[in-house]
C-alpha atoms as a PDB file:
ATOM      1  CA  MET A   1      -0.737 -21.734 -19.218  1.00  0.00           C
ATOM      2  CA  LYS A   2      -1.436 -25.083 -17.265  1.00  0.00           C
ATOM      3  CA  LYS A   3      -0.667 -25.482 -13.752  1.00  0.00           C
ATOM      4  CA  ILE A   4       0.843 -29.019 -12.477  1.00  0.00           C
ATOM      5  CA  ILE A   5      -0.098 -29.758  -9.404  1.00  0.00           C
ATOM      6  CA  LEU A   6       0.777 -32.855  -6.968  1.00  0.00           C
ATOM      7  CA  LEU A   7      -1.331 -34.517  -4.609  1.00  0.00           C
ATOM      8  CA  PRO A   8       0.211 -36.719  -2.193  1.00  0.00           C
ATOM      9  CA  THR A   9      -2.384 -39.713  -0.711  1.00  0.00           C
ATOM     10  CA  ASP A  10      -2.407 -41.958   1.847  1.00  0.00           C
ATOM     11  CA  PHE A  11      -6.471 -42.950   0.829  1.00  0.00           C
ATOM     12  CA  SER A  12      -7.260 -40.910   4.019  1.00  0.00           C
ATOM     13  CA  LYS A  13     -10.182 -38.523   4.467  1.00  0.00           C
ATOM     14  CA  ASN A  14      -7.799 -35.825   5.014  1.00  0.00           C
ATOM     15  CA  ALA A  15      -6.127 -36.354   1.500  1.00  0.00           C
ATOM     16  CA  TRP A  16      -9.034 -36.577  -0.299  1.00  0.00           C
ATOM     17  CA  ASN A  17     -10.121 -32.969   1.474  1.00  0.00           C
ATOM     18  CA  ALA A  18      -6.916 -31.685   0.366  1.00  0.00           C
ATOM     19  CA  LEU A  19      -7.515 -32.627  -3.196  1.00  0.00           C
ATOM     20  CA  ILE A  20     -10.578 -31.315  -3.192  1.00  0.00           C
ATOM     21  CA  TYR A  21      -9.566 -28.012  -1.791  1.00  0.00           C
ATOM     22  CA  ALA A  22      -6.955 -27.810  -4.742  1.00  0.00           C
ATOM     23  CA  SER A  23      -9.561 -28.474  -7.090  1.00  0.00           C
ATOM     24  CA  GLU A  24     -11.692 -26.052  -6.138  1.00  0.00           C
ATOM     25  CA  LEU A  25      -9.238 -23.159  -5.360  1.00  0.00           C
ATOM     26  CA  TYR A  26      -7.986 -23.423  -9.182  1.00  0.00           C
ATOM     27  CA  ARG A  27     -11.342 -24.301 -10.474  1.00  0.00           C
ATOM     28  CA  ASN A  28     -11.280 -21.488 -13.149  1.00  0.00           C
ATOM     29  CA  GLN A  29      -7.516 -22.496 -14.070  1.00  0.00           C
ATOM     30  CA  GLU A  30      -6.552 -25.354 -16.654  1.00  0.00           C
ATOM     31  CA  CYS A  31      -4.427 -27.901 -14.257  1.00  0.00           C
ATOM     32  CA  GLU A  32      -2.779 -31.122 -14.436  1.00  0.00           C
ATOM     33  CA  PHE A  33      -3.222 -32.814 -11.179  1.00  0.00           C
ATOM     34  CA  TYR A  34      -0.881 -35.766 -10.075  1.00  0.00           C
ATOM     35  CA  ILE A  35      -2.388 -37.938  -7.503  1.00  0.00           C
ATOM     36  CA  LEU A  36       0.855 -39.722  -5.790  1.00  0.00           C
ATOM     37  CA  ASN A  37       0.637 -42.558  -3.554  1.00  0.00           C
ATOM     38  CA  ALA A  38       3.936 -43.887  -1.731  1.00  0.00           C
ATOM     39  CA  PHE A  39       3.678 -47.638  -0.934  1.00  0.00           C
ATOM     40  CA  THR A  40       5.988 -49.740   1.130  1.00  0.00           C
ATOM     41  CA  ILE A  41       6.423 -53.117   2.227  1.00  0.00           C
ATOM     42  CA  LYS A  42       5.885 -53.974   5.955  1.00  0.00           C
ATOM     43  CA  THR A  43       8.534 -56.724   6.070  1.00  0.00           C
ATOM     44  CA  TYR A  44      11.279 -54.275   4.670  1.00  0.00           C
ATOM     45  CA  ASP A  45      12.900 -51.330   6.187  1.00  0.00           C
ATOM     46  CA  ILE A  46      13.156 -48.593   3.427  1.00  0.00           C
ATOM     47  CA  GLU A  47      16.436 -47.983   4.818  1.00  0.00           C
ATOM     48  CA  SER A  48      17.350 -51.815   4.784  1.00  0.00           C
ATOM     49  CA  ILE A  49      20.274 -53.330   2.398  1.00  0.00           C
ATOM     50  CA  PHE A  50      17.526 -55.691   1.200  1.00  0.00           C
ATOM     51  CA  VAL A  51      15.764 -53.498  -1.320  1.00  0.00           C
ATOM     52  CA  ALA A  52      12.225 -54.816  -2.530  1.00  0.00           C
ATOM     53  CA  LYS A  53      11.912 -54.806  -6.344  1.00  0.00           C
ATOM     54  CA  PRO A  54       9.463 -55.663  -8.979  1.00  0.00           C
ATOM     55  CA  GLY A  55       8.517 -59.239  -9.175  1.00  0.00           C
ATOM     56  CA  ASP A  56       9.004 -59.691  -5.248  1.00  0.00           C
ATOM     57  CA  LYS A  57       5.431 -61.369  -4.364  1.00  0.00           C
ATOM     58  CA  GLU A  58       5.251 -58.860  -1.566  1.00  0.00           C
ATOM     59  CA  TYR A  59       6.114 -55.840  -3.932  1.00  0.00           C
ATOM     60  CA  ASP A  60       4.020 -56.569  -6.683  1.00  0.00           C
ATOM     61  CA  LEU A  61       1.018 -57.196  -4.154  1.00  0.00           C
ATOM     62  CA  ALA A  62       1.904 -53.588  -2.531  1.00  0.00           C
ATOM     63  CA  GLN A  63       1.623 -52.070  -5.667  1.00  0.00           C
ATOM     64  CA  LYS A  64      -1.490 -53.359  -7.009  1.00  0.00           C
ATOM     65  CA  ASN A  65      -3.076 -52.224  -3.861  1.00  0.00           C
ATOM     66  CA  SER A  66      -1.677 -48.797  -4.250  1.00  0.00           C
ATOM     67  CA  GLU A  67      -2.940 -48.707  -8.079  1.00  0.00           C
ATOM     68  CA  LEU A  68      -6.396 -50.192  -6.863  1.00  0.00           C
ATOM     69  CA  GLY A  69      -6.764 -47.173  -4.160  1.00  0.00           C
ATOM     70  CA  LEU A  70      -5.617 -44.691  -6.984  1.00  0.00           C
ATOM     71  CA  ASN A  71      -8.313 -46.104  -9.712  1.00  0.00           C
ATOM     72  CA  LYS A  72     -10.857 -45.880  -7.089  1.00  0.00           C
ATOM     73  CA  ILE A  73      -9.896 -41.999  -6.359  1.00  0.00           C
ATOM     74  CA  LEU A  74      -9.975 -41.606 -10.326  1.00  0.00           C
ATOM     75  CA  LYS A  75     -13.564 -43.167  -9.948  1.00  0.00           C
ATOM     76  CA  LEU A  76     -14.730 -41.027  -7.200  1.00  0.00           C
ATOM     77  CA  LEU A  77     -13.668 -38.242  -9.516  1.00  0.00           C
ATOM     78  CA  GLN A  78     -15.994 -38.915 -12.219  1.00  0.00           C
ATOM     79  CA  ILE A  79     -18.848 -38.833  -9.791  1.00  0.00           C
ATOM     80  CA  THR A  80     -17.712 -35.774  -8.076  1.00  0.00           C
ATOM     81  CA  ILE A  81     -18.577 -32.167 -10.187  1.00  0.00           C
ATOM     82  CA  VAL A  82     -15.093 -31.161 -11.202  1.00  0.00           C
ATOM     83  CA  PRO A  83     -14.198 -28.328 -13.380  1.00  0.00           C
ATOM     84  CA  SER A  84     -13.837 -29.510 -16.906  1.00  0.00           C
ATOM     85  CA  GLN A  85     -10.620 -28.212 -17.563  1.00  0.00           C
ATOM     86  CA  HIS A  86      -9.062 -30.311 -15.015  1.00  0.00           C
ATOM     87  CA  SER A  87      -6.807 -33.273 -15.908  1.00  0.00           C
ATOM     88  CA  TYR A  88      -6.074 -36.251 -13.230  1.00  0.00           C
ATOM     89  CA  PHE A  89      -3.329 -38.651 -13.494  1.00  0.00           C
ATOM     90  CA  THR A  90      -2.067 -41.294 -10.888  1.00  0.00           C
ATOM     91  CA  MET A  91       1.528 -42.166  -9.767  1.00  0.00           C
ATOM     92  CA  SER A  92       2.475 -45.182  -7.641  1.00  0.00           C
ATOM     93  CA  MET A  93       6.098 -45.143  -6.222  1.00  0.00           C
ATOM     94  CA  TYR A  94       7.721 -47.597  -3.909  1.00  0.00           C
ATOM     95  CA  GLY A  95       9.266 -45.677  -1.245  1.00  0.00           C
ATOM     96  CA  SER A  96       8.829 -43.093   1.722  1.00  0.00           C
ATOM     97  CA  PRO A  97       6.007 -40.436   0.983  1.00  0.00           C
ATOM     98  CA  LEU A  98       8.970 -37.548   1.169  1.00  0.00           C
ATOM     99  CA  GLU A  99      11.337 -39.364  -1.313  1.00  0.00           C
ATOM    100  CA  ALA A 100       8.232 -40.274  -3.367  1.00  0.00           C
ATOM    101  CA  ILE A 101       7.267 -36.341  -3.471  1.00  0.00           C
ATOM    102  CA  LYS A 102      10.662 -35.383  -4.265  1.00  0.00           C
ATOM    103  CA  LYS A 103      11.081 -37.728  -7.204  1.00  0.00           C
ATOM    104  CA  ALA A 104       7.459 -36.722  -8.763  1.00  0.00           C
ATOM    105  CA  VAL A 105       8.241 -32.761  -8.348  1.00  0.00           C
ATOM    106  CA  GLU A 106      11.407 -33.323 -10.219  1.00  0.00           C
ATOM    107  CA  LEU A 107       9.761 -36.043 -12.859  1.00  0.00           C
ATOM    108  CA  LYS A 108       6.811 -33.895 -13.791  1.00  0.00           C
ATOM    109  CA  ASP A 109       8.168 -30.421 -12.872  1.00  0.00           C
ATOM    110  CA  ILE A 110       5.497 -29.929 -10.281  1.00  0.00           C
ATOM    111  CA  GLU A 111       4.480 -26.192  -9.405  1.00  0.00           C
ATOM    112  CA  LEU A 112       2.940 -26.788  -6.471  1.00  0.00           C
ATOM    113  CA  VAL A 113       2.415 -29.696  -3.717  1.00  0.00           C
ATOM    114  CA  VAL A 114      -1.121 -29.665  -1.915  1.00  0.00           C
ATOM    115  CA  MET A 115      -1.642 -31.804   0.890  1.00  0.00           C
ATOM    116  CA  GLY A 116      -3.786 -32.946   4.094  1.00  0.00           C
ATOM    117  CA  THR A 117      -1.896 -31.706   7.385  1.00  0.00           C
ATOM    118  CA  LYS A 118      -2.393 -35.126   8.987  1.00  0.00           C
ATOM    119  CA  GLY A 119      -2.309 -38.707   7.505  1.00  0.00           C
ATOM    120  CA  ALA A 120      -4.230 -41.750   7.845  1.00  0.00           C
ATOM    121  CA  THR A 121      -3.898 -42.174  11.740  1.00  0.00           C
ATOM    122  CA  ASN A 122      -5.193 -38.781  11.950  1.00  0.00           C
ATOM    123  CA  GLU A 123      -4.358 -38.475  15.806  1.00  0.00           C
ATOM    124  CA  ALA A 124      -6.262 -36.030  17.870  1.00  0.00           C
ATOM    125  CA  THR A 125      -2.732 -35.299  19.765  1.00  0.00           C
ATOM    126  CA  VAL A 126      -0.719 -34.754  16.754  1.00  0.00           C
ATOM    127  CA  ILE A 127      -0.860 -31.269  15.072  1.00  0.00           C
ATOM    128  CA  TYR A 128       1.020 -31.753  11.680  1.00  0.00           C
ATOM    129  CA  GLY A 129       1.611 -35.329  10.687  1.00  0.00           C
ATOM    130  CA  SER A 130       5.438 -36.343  10.059  1.00  0.00           C
ATOM    131  CA  ASN A 131       4.734 -36.541   6.382  1.00  0.00           C
ATOM    132  CA  THR A 132       3.411 -32.815   5.910  1.00  0.00           C
ATOM    133  CA  ILE A 133       6.322 -31.608   7.974  1.00  0.00           C
ATOM    134  CA  ASP A 134       9.044 -33.593   6.226  1.00  0.00           C
ATOM    135  CA  ALA A 135       7.515 -31.950   2.981  1.00  0.00           C
ATOM    136  CA  MET A 136       7.836 -28.528   4.565  1.00  0.00           C
ATOM    137  CA  GLU A 137      11.214 -28.870   5.833  1.00  0.00           C
ATOM    138  CA  LYS A 138      12.848 -30.856   2.950  1.00  0.00           C
ATOM    139  CA  VAL A 139      10.955 -30.142  -0.220  1.00  0.00           C
ATOM    140  CA  ARG A 140      12.853 -27.089  -0.939  1.00  0.00           C
ATOM    141  CA  ASN A 141      12.357 -26.425  -4.800  1.00  0.00           C
ATOM    142  CA  CYS A 142       8.331 -26.485  -4.697  1.00  0.00           C
ATOM    143  CA  PRO A 143       5.936 -24.701  -2.379  1.00  0.00           C
ATOM    144  CA  ILE A 144       3.617 -26.725  -0.092  1.00  0.00           C
ATOM    145  CA  LEU A 145       0.403 -26.040   0.701  1.00  0.00           C
ATOM    146  CA  ALA A 146      -1.159 -27.559   3.882  1.00  0.00           C
ATOM    147  CA  ILE A 147      -4.807 -27.952   3.974  1.00  0.00           C
ATOM    148  CA  PRO A 148      -6.504 -28.892   7.619  1.00  0.00           C
ATOM    149  CA  SER A 149      -8.901 -32.056   7.826  1.00  0.00           C
ATOM    150  CA  LYS A 150     -11.814 -29.795   8.684  1.00  0.00           C
ATOM    151  CA  VAL A 151     -11.333 -27.330   6.329  1.00  0.00           C
ATOM    152  CA  SER A 152     -13.937 -26.943   3.281  1.00  0.00           C
ATOM    153  CA  PHE A 153     -12.941 -24.558   0.321  1.00  0.00           C
ATOM    154  CA  LYS A 154     -14.162 -21.277   0.873  1.00  0.00           C
ATOM    155  CA  GLU A 155     -12.456 -18.005  -1.063  1.00  0.00           C
ATOM    156  CA  PRO A 156     -10.312 -16.573   1.362  1.00  0.00           C
ATOM    157  CA  LYS A 157     -11.571 -13.063   2.477  1.00  0.00           C
ATOM    158  CA  GLU A 158      -7.872 -12.199   3.244  1.00  0.00           C
ATOM    159  CA  ILE A 159      -4.674 -14.162   3.120  1.00  0.00           C
ATOM    160  CA  VAL A 160      -1.925 -13.026   5.936  1.00  0.00           C
ATOM    161  CA  PHE A 161       1.548 -13.098   5.095  1.00  0.00           C
ATOM    162  CA  PRO A 162       3.824 -12.293   8.124  1.00  0.00           C
ATOM    163  CA  THR A 163       7.267 -10.844   7.812  1.00  0.00           C
ATOM    164  CA  SER A 164      10.197  -9.630   9.729  1.00  0.00           C
ATOM    165  CA  PHE A 165      11.312  -7.165   6.867  1.00  0.00           C
ATOM    166  CA  LYS A 166      14.817  -8.902   7.558  1.00  0.00           C
ATOM    167  CA  THR A 167      15.266 -10.413   3.875  1.00  0.00           C
ATOM    168  CA  HIS A 168      14.602  -8.826   0.850  1.00  0.00           C
ATOM    169  CA  PHE A 169      11.828 -10.618  -1.534  1.00  0.00           C
ATOM    170  CA  LYS A 170      11.838 -12.042  -4.920  1.00  0.00           C
ATOM    171  CA  ARG A 171       8.842 -12.315  -7.329  1.00  0.00           C
ATOM    172  CA  ARG A 172       9.627 -15.579  -8.215  1.00  0.00           C
ATOM    173  CA  GLU A 173       9.613 -16.535  -4.447  1.00  0.00           C
ATOM    174  CA  LEU A 174       5.991 -14.726  -3.917  1.00  0.00           C
ATOM    175  CA  LYS A 175       4.574 -16.432  -7.206  1.00  0.00           C
ATOM    176  CA  HIS A 176       1.924 -18.401  -5.222  1.00  0.00           C
ATOM    177  CA  LEU A 177       0.677 -16.001  -2.977  1.00  0.00           C
ATOM    178  CA  TYR A 178       0.590 -13.418  -5.758  1.00  0.00           C
ATOM    179  CA  GLU A 179      -1.405 -15.848  -7.945  1.00  0.00           C
ATOM    180  CA  ILE A 180      -3.771 -17.207  -5.075  1.00  0.00           C
ATOM    181  CA  SER A 181      -4.617 -13.593  -4.188  1.00  0.00           C
ATOM    182  CA  LYS A 182      -5.503 -12.620  -7.720  1.00  0.00           C
ATOM    183  CA  ILE A 183      -7.681 -15.549  -8.830  1.00  0.00           C
ATOM    184  CA  THR A 184      -9.615 -15.545  -5.758  1.00  0.00           C
ATOM    185  CA  ASN A 185      -9.625 -11.592  -5.460  1.00  0.00           C
ATOM    186  CA  SER A 186      -8.198 -11.760  -1.351  1.00  0.00           C
ATOM    187  CA  PRO A 187      -6.674  -8.622   0.065  1.00  0.00           C
ATOM    188  CA  VAL A 188      -3.059  -9.657   1.625  1.00  0.00           C
ATOM    189  CA  ARG A 189      -2.609  -8.668   5.056  1.00  0.00           C
ATOM    190  CA  ILE A 190       1.396  -8.249   5.731  1.00  0.00           C
ATOM    191  CA  LEU A 191       1.866  -8.660   9.332  1.00  0.00           C
ATOM    192  CA  HIS A 192       4.804  -7.447  11.075  1.00  0.00           C
ATOM    193  CA  VAL A 193       5.200  -7.848  15.075  1.00  0.00           C
ATOM    194  CA  ASN A 194       7.558  -4.929  16.119  1.00  0.00           C
ATOM    195  CA  GLU A 195      10.387  -6.107  17.880  1.00  0.00           C
ATOM    196  CA  LYS A 196      12.179  -2.624  18.022  1.00  0.00           C
ATOM    197  CA  LYS A 197      10.207   0.977  17.815  1.00  0.00           C
ATOM    198  CA  HIS A 198      11.186   1.633  14.251  1.00  0.00           C
ATOM    199  CA  LEU A 199      12.442  -0.132  11.264  1.00  0.00           C
ATOM    200  CA  SER A 200      16.032  -0.112  10.267  1.00  0.00           C
ATOM    201  CA  GLU A 201      17.320   1.271   6.786  1.00  0.00           C
ATOM    202  CA  SER A 202      17.447  -2.294   5.440  1.00  0.00           C
ATOM    203  CA  GLN A 203      14.014  -3.427   6.705  1.00  0.00           C
ATOM    204  CA  LYS A 204      12.798  -0.119   4.801  1.00  0.00           C
ATOM    205  CA  ALA A 205      14.446  -0.777   1.616  1.00  0.00           C
ATOM    206  CA  ASN A 206      13.080  -4.734   1.852  1.00  0.00           C
ATOM    207  CA  LYS A 207       9.368  -3.036   2.651  1.00  0.00           C
ATOM    208  CA  GLU A 208       9.501  -1.318  -0.479  1.00  0.00           C
ATOM    209  CA  LEU A 209      10.632  -4.116  -2.622  1.00  0.00           C
ATOM    210  CA  LEU A 210       7.964  -5.994  -1.074  1.00  0.00           C
ATOM    211  CA  GLU A 211       5.674  -3.235  -2.325  1.00  0.00           C
ATOM    212  CA  ASP A 212       6.973  -3.661  -5.597  1.00  0.00           C
ATOM    213  CA  CYS A 213       6.738  -7.395  -5.958  1.00  0.00           C
ATOM    214  CA  LEU A 214       3.009  -7.192  -4.856  1.00  0.00           C
ATOM    215  CA  ASP A 215       1.935  -4.268  -7.298  1.00  0.00           C
ATOM    216  CA  GLY A 216      -1.412  -4.748  -8.725  1.00  0.00           C
ATOM    217  CA  LEU A 217      -2.640  -6.810  -5.450  1.00  0.00           C
ATOM    218  CA  ASP A 218      -4.888  -5.705  -2.667  1.00  0.00           C
ATOM    219  CA  TYR A 219      -2.675  -5.491   0.334  1.00  0.00           C
ATOM    220  CA  THR A 220      -2.405  -3.496   3.634  1.00  0.00           C
ATOM    221  CA  PHE A 221       0.545  -3.196   6.264  1.00  0.00           C
ATOM    222  CA  HIS A 222      -0.405  -4.161   9.891  1.00  0.00           C
ATOM    223  CA  TRP A 223       1.903  -3.614  12.842  1.00  0.00           C
ATOM    224  CA  ILE A 224       1.379  -5.243  16.402  1.00  0.00           C
ATOM    225  CA  ASP A 225       3.268  -3.684  19.237  1.00  0.00           C
ATOM    226  CA  ASN A 226       4.084  -5.030  22.906  1.00  0.00           C
ATOM    227  CA  VAL A 227       3.492  -9.027  22.204  1.00  0.00           C
ATOM    228  CA  ASP A 228       6.030 -11.802  21.266  1.00  0.00           C
ATOM    229  CA  VAL A 229       5.774 -12.457  17.493  1.00  0.00           C
ATOM    230  CA  ASN A 230       4.263 -16.035  18.371  1.00  0.00           C
ATOM    231  CA  SER A 231       1.257 -14.393  20.037  1.00  0.00           C
ATOM    232  CA  GLY A 232       0.919 -11.847  17.835  1.00  0.00           C
ATOM    233  CA  LEU A 233       0.329 -13.496  14.706  1.00  0.00           C
ATOM    234  CA  HIS A 234      -1.653 -16.275  16.377  1.00  0.00           C
ATOM    235  CA  ASN A 235      -4.072 -13.547  17.722  1.00  0.00           C
ATOM    236  CA  PHE A 236      -3.929 -11.709  14.733  1.00  0.00           C
ATOM    237  CA  VAL A 237      -5.382 -14.666  12.786  1.00  0.00           C
ATOM    238  CA  LYS A 238      -7.731 -15.717  15.334  1.00  0.00           C
ATOM    239  CA  SER A 239      -9.295 -12.448  15.717  1.00  0.00           C
ATOM    240  CA  ARG A 240      -9.829 -11.647  11.963  1.00  0.00           C
ATOM    241  CA  ASN A 241     -10.472 -15.280  11.028  1.00  0.00           C
ATOM    242  CA  SER A 242      -8.122 -15.066   8.596  1.00  0.00           C
ATOM    243  CA  ASP A 243      -8.780 -17.805   5.832  1.00  0.00           C
ATOM    244  CA  MET A 244      -4.972 -18.451   4.661  1.00  0.00           C
ATOM    245  CA  VAL A 245      -1.588 -17.968   6.201  1.00  0.00           C
ATOM    246  CA  VAL A 246       1.592 -17.683   3.521  1.00  0.00           C
ATOM    247  CA  PHE A 247       5.049 -17.373   4.884  1.00  0.00           C
ATOM    248  CA  ILE A 248       8.520 -18.101   3.279  1.00  0.00           C
ATOM    249  CA  ASN A 249      10.385 -20.846   5.095  1.00  0.00           C
ATOM    250  CA  LYS A 250      14.141 -20.120   5.833  1.00  0.00           C
ATOM    251  CA  LYS A 251      16.302 -23.323   4.908  1.00  0.00           C
ATOM    252  CA  HIS A 252      16.585 -25.612   8.263  1.00  0.00           C
ATOM    253  CA  MET A 253      14.614 -22.653  10.434  1.00  0.00           C
ATOM    254  CA  LEU A 254      10.921 -24.062   9.855  1.00  0.00           C
ATOM    255  CA  PHE A 255      10.370 -24.959  13.594  1.00  0.00           C
ATOM    256  CA  ASP A 256      13.022 -22.361  14.886  1.00  0.00           C
ATOM    257  CA  SER A 257      11.513 -19.413  12.585  1.00  0.00           C
ATOM    258  CA  ALA A 258       9.643 -17.029  14.611  1.00  0.00           C
ATOM    259  CA  PHE A 259       6.988 -16.999  11.893  1.00  0.00           C
ATOM    260  CA  SER A 260       6.482 -20.308  11.382  1.00  0.00           C
ATOM    261  CA  HIS A 261       6.388 -22.007  14.886  1.00  0.00           C
ATOM    262  CA  PRO A 262       3.279 -20.742  15.983  1.00  0.00           C
ATOM    263  CA  LEU A 263       1.439 -21.977  12.645  1.00  0.00           C
ATOM    264  CA  VAL A 264       2.571 -25.647  13.786  1.00  0.00           C
ATOM    265  CA  LYS A 265       2.065 -25.050  17.454  1.00  0.00           C
ATOM    266  CA  ASP A 266      -0.598 -22.526  17.791  1.00  0.00           C
ATOM    267  CA  LEU A 267      -3.006 -23.006  14.986  1.00  0.00           C
ATOM    268  CA  GLY A 268      -2.513 -26.608  15.577  1.00  0.00           C
ATOM    269  CA  ALA A 269      -4.770 -29.562  15.346  1.00  0.00           C
ATOM    270  CA  ASN A 270      -7.983 -27.233  15.633  1.00  0.00           C
ATOM    271  CA  SER A 271      -6.791 -24.966  12.925  1.00  0.00           C
ATOM    272  CA  GLN A 272      -9.138 -23.542  10.075  1.00  0.00           C
ATOM    273  CA  VAL A 273      -6.185 -22.241   8.400  1.00  0.00           C
ATOM    274  CA  PRO A 274      -4.477 -23.680   5.260  1.00  0.00           C
ATOM    275  CA  VAL A 275      -0.718 -22.550   5.398  1.00  0.00           C
ATOM    276  CA  LEU A 276       1.480 -21.933   1.999  1.00  0.00           C
ATOM    277  CA  VAL A 277       5.167 -22.778   2.828  1.00  0.00           C
ATOM    278  CA  LEU A 278       6.971 -20.827   0.241  1.00  0.00           C
ATOM    279  CA  HIS A 279      10.828 -21.174   0.069  1.00  0.00           C
ATOM    280  CA  ASP A 280      13.889 -18.400   0.232  1.00  0.00           C
ATOM    281  CA  LEU A 281      15.702 -19.292  -3.277  1.00  0.00           C
ATOM    282  CA  ARG A 282      18.808 -18.298  -2.108  1.00  0.00           C
ATOM    283  CA  ASN A 283      19.196 -21.280   0.202  1.00  0.00           C
END
């Protein structure tokens, strides 16, 4: 069954890099890629009561520029070696990037959004761009795979999956982790930073459930004692040169979560690690 993947773009090098990463990651899979550009008009505030519409001179010009940029990407893809089982389509939408992503996910039944961690400004002091943060926090019905600007694709030698074992797991929540591990032959390193000496009975039950969900994969459990969660995850990934981090984002907890905060703060602007954000489907 073919995969349907959304690739938001602001025509930056970062967005192009994310596109190529996605194409390489799924090179042996039949895929439809939708390349999305959200365009706005500088003289209009998106929140304004005055709404730009087709037929307005500025709207039509902005849409034309958006479509020209998307056509340029298609031409670049024609001279780039891409898998024959991949198809690329373009989408130009008026509005904020977040709203355009949400609309495209619903319209095309998107399974995965792949985007760069930063946009066209690429400020050195900015860790994750605001559009990426918005997508991670607010696109609740579709996983987000964020690709750092300096990362060139290589098959991950291992994927780190941090967990507290405090919530139970569902196979459909872990679908993309399972799939990426399978297609790249990458083992999963399940990381638990000890807050207490022993797991509770409910944590033990959740650990067993996770083992069932990952049945068929190569995975190992890892435990770190006597460090805070943020430092533990950061040091684990750095010391092992892990190639991808996957975590489940609890609703409204992305930057409060013990496991997501260091991905944004510590792996940061110099990160060489793509981050896949899954969602707790009970939210």
